[in-house]
Protein backbone atom coordinates (compact mmCIF):
# COMPACT_ATOMS: atom_id res chain seq x y z
CA MET A 1 0.00 0.00 0.00
CA ASP A 2 1.48 3.34 -1.01
CA ILE A 3 1.04 6.69 0.75
CA THR A 4 -1.79 7.77 -1.54
CA GLN A 5 -3.72 4.64 -0.66
CA VAL A 6 -3.02 5.12 3.05
CA LYS A 7 -4.30 8.70 2.88
CA ALA A 8 -7.40 7.54 1.00
CA THR A 9 -8.04 4.88 3.63
CA ILE A 10 -7.65 7.46 6.40
CA SER A 11 -10.03 9.77 4.56
CA ARG A 12 -12.65 7.01 4.30
CA GLY A 13 -12.15 6.24 7.97
CA ASN A 14 -12.63 9.88 8.88
CA GLN A 15 -15.84 10.01 6.89
CA ALA A 16 -17.06 6.88 8.66
CA ALA A 17 -16.17 8.47 12.01
CA GLN A 18 -18.12 11.61 11.08
CA ASP A 19 -21.11 9.53 9.99
CA GLY A 20 -20.89 7.53 13.20
CA SER A 21 -20.69 10.68 15.28
CA VAL A 22 -23.81 12.11 13.62
CA LEU A 23 -25.64 8.84 14.25
CA VAL A 24 -24.57 8.71 17.90
CA GLN A 25 -25.66 12.32 18.38
CA GLU A 26 -29.07 11.47 16.93
CA VAL A 27 -29.34 8.51 19.31
CA ARG A 28 -28.31 10.76 22.19
CA ASP A 29 -30.96 13.33 21.23
CA ARG A 30 -33.67 10.68 21.01
CA THR A 31 -32.58 9.25 24.32
CA ALA A 32 -32.81 12.72 25.84
CA GLN A 33 -36.36 13.00 24.49
CA ALA A 34 -37.17 9.61 25.99
CA LEU A 35 -35.71 10.75 29.31
CA THR A 36 -37.88 13.87 29.28
CA SER A 37 -40.99 11.81 28.58
CA ALA A 38 -40.08 9.15 31.12
CA ALA A 39 -39.30 11.74 33.79
CA ALA A 40 -42.66 13.43 33.22
CA THR A 41 -44.44 10.08 33.37
CA ALA A 42 -42.58 8.91 36.46
CA HIS A 43 -42.97 12.24 38.27
CA ASP A 44 -43.62 11.61 41.97
CA SER A 45 -43.09 7.89 41.44
CA THR A 46 -41.60 5.99 44.33
CA HIS A 47 -40.83 2.87 42.32
CA ASP A 48 -37.19 1.85 42.41
CA GLU A 49 -37.47 0.56 38.83
CA ALA A 50 -38.57 3.99 37.56
CA GLU A 51 -35.66 5.69 39.28
CA ALA A 52 -33.25 3.08 37.97
CA GLY A 53 -34.58 3.50 34.44
CA LEU A 54 -34.17 7.27 34.57
CA LYS A 55 -30.64 6.83 35.86
CA ARG A 56 -29.81 4.46 32.99
CA LEU A 57 -31.19 6.92 30.44
CA LYS A 58 -29.01 9.67 31.91
CA GLU A 59 -25.98 7.37 31.73
CA ALA A 60 -26.79 6.51 28.12
CA ILE A 61 -26.89 10.19 27.20
CA LYS A 62 -23.55 10.78 28.90
CA GLU A 63 -21.94 7.78 27.19
CA ALA A 64 -23.33 8.72 23.78
CA SER A 65 -21.77 12.16 24.15
CA ARG A 66 -18.49 10.50 25.08
CA VAL A 67 -18.59 8.20 22.05
CA ALA A 68 -19.26 11.15 19.73
CA GLU A 69 -16.32 12.99 21.27
CA LEU A 70 -14.03 9.98 20.90
CA LEU A 71 -14.98 9.55 17.25
CA GLY A 72 -14.15 13.20 16.63
CA SER A 73 -10.81 13.09 18.42
CA GLY A 74 -9.88 9.86 16.66
CA ALA A 75 -10.63 11.41 13.27
CA ASP A 76 -8.60 14.48 14.21
CA ALA A 77 -5.63 12.32 15.18
CA ALA A 78 -5.89 10.36 11.93
CA THR A 79 -5.99 13.60 9.95
CA GLU A 80 -2.87 14.87 11.71
CA TYR A 81 -1.13 11.60 10.92
CA ALA A 82 -2.15 11.77 7.27
CA LEU A 83 -0.81 15.32 7.00
CA LYS A 84 2.58 14.13 8.25
CA LEU A 85 2.86 11.37 5.66
């Protein structure tokens, strides 16, 4: 594989990372909507399961944000590497 092919592969990988980041952000946004609805529904609930579910939704939102960030930083690192080739 020559340098041109390596750079093309990195470019395709960066595009896949961007696409993945957009998808993860959409999932995060939908999860946030679900959390809003669930929180309104479970308002004043004393059920442990409801509280646990809300906690899991909050964790999912946090992790989705983290995944999107990691995809972006990985693509940035790959771009820097490609520029140095």
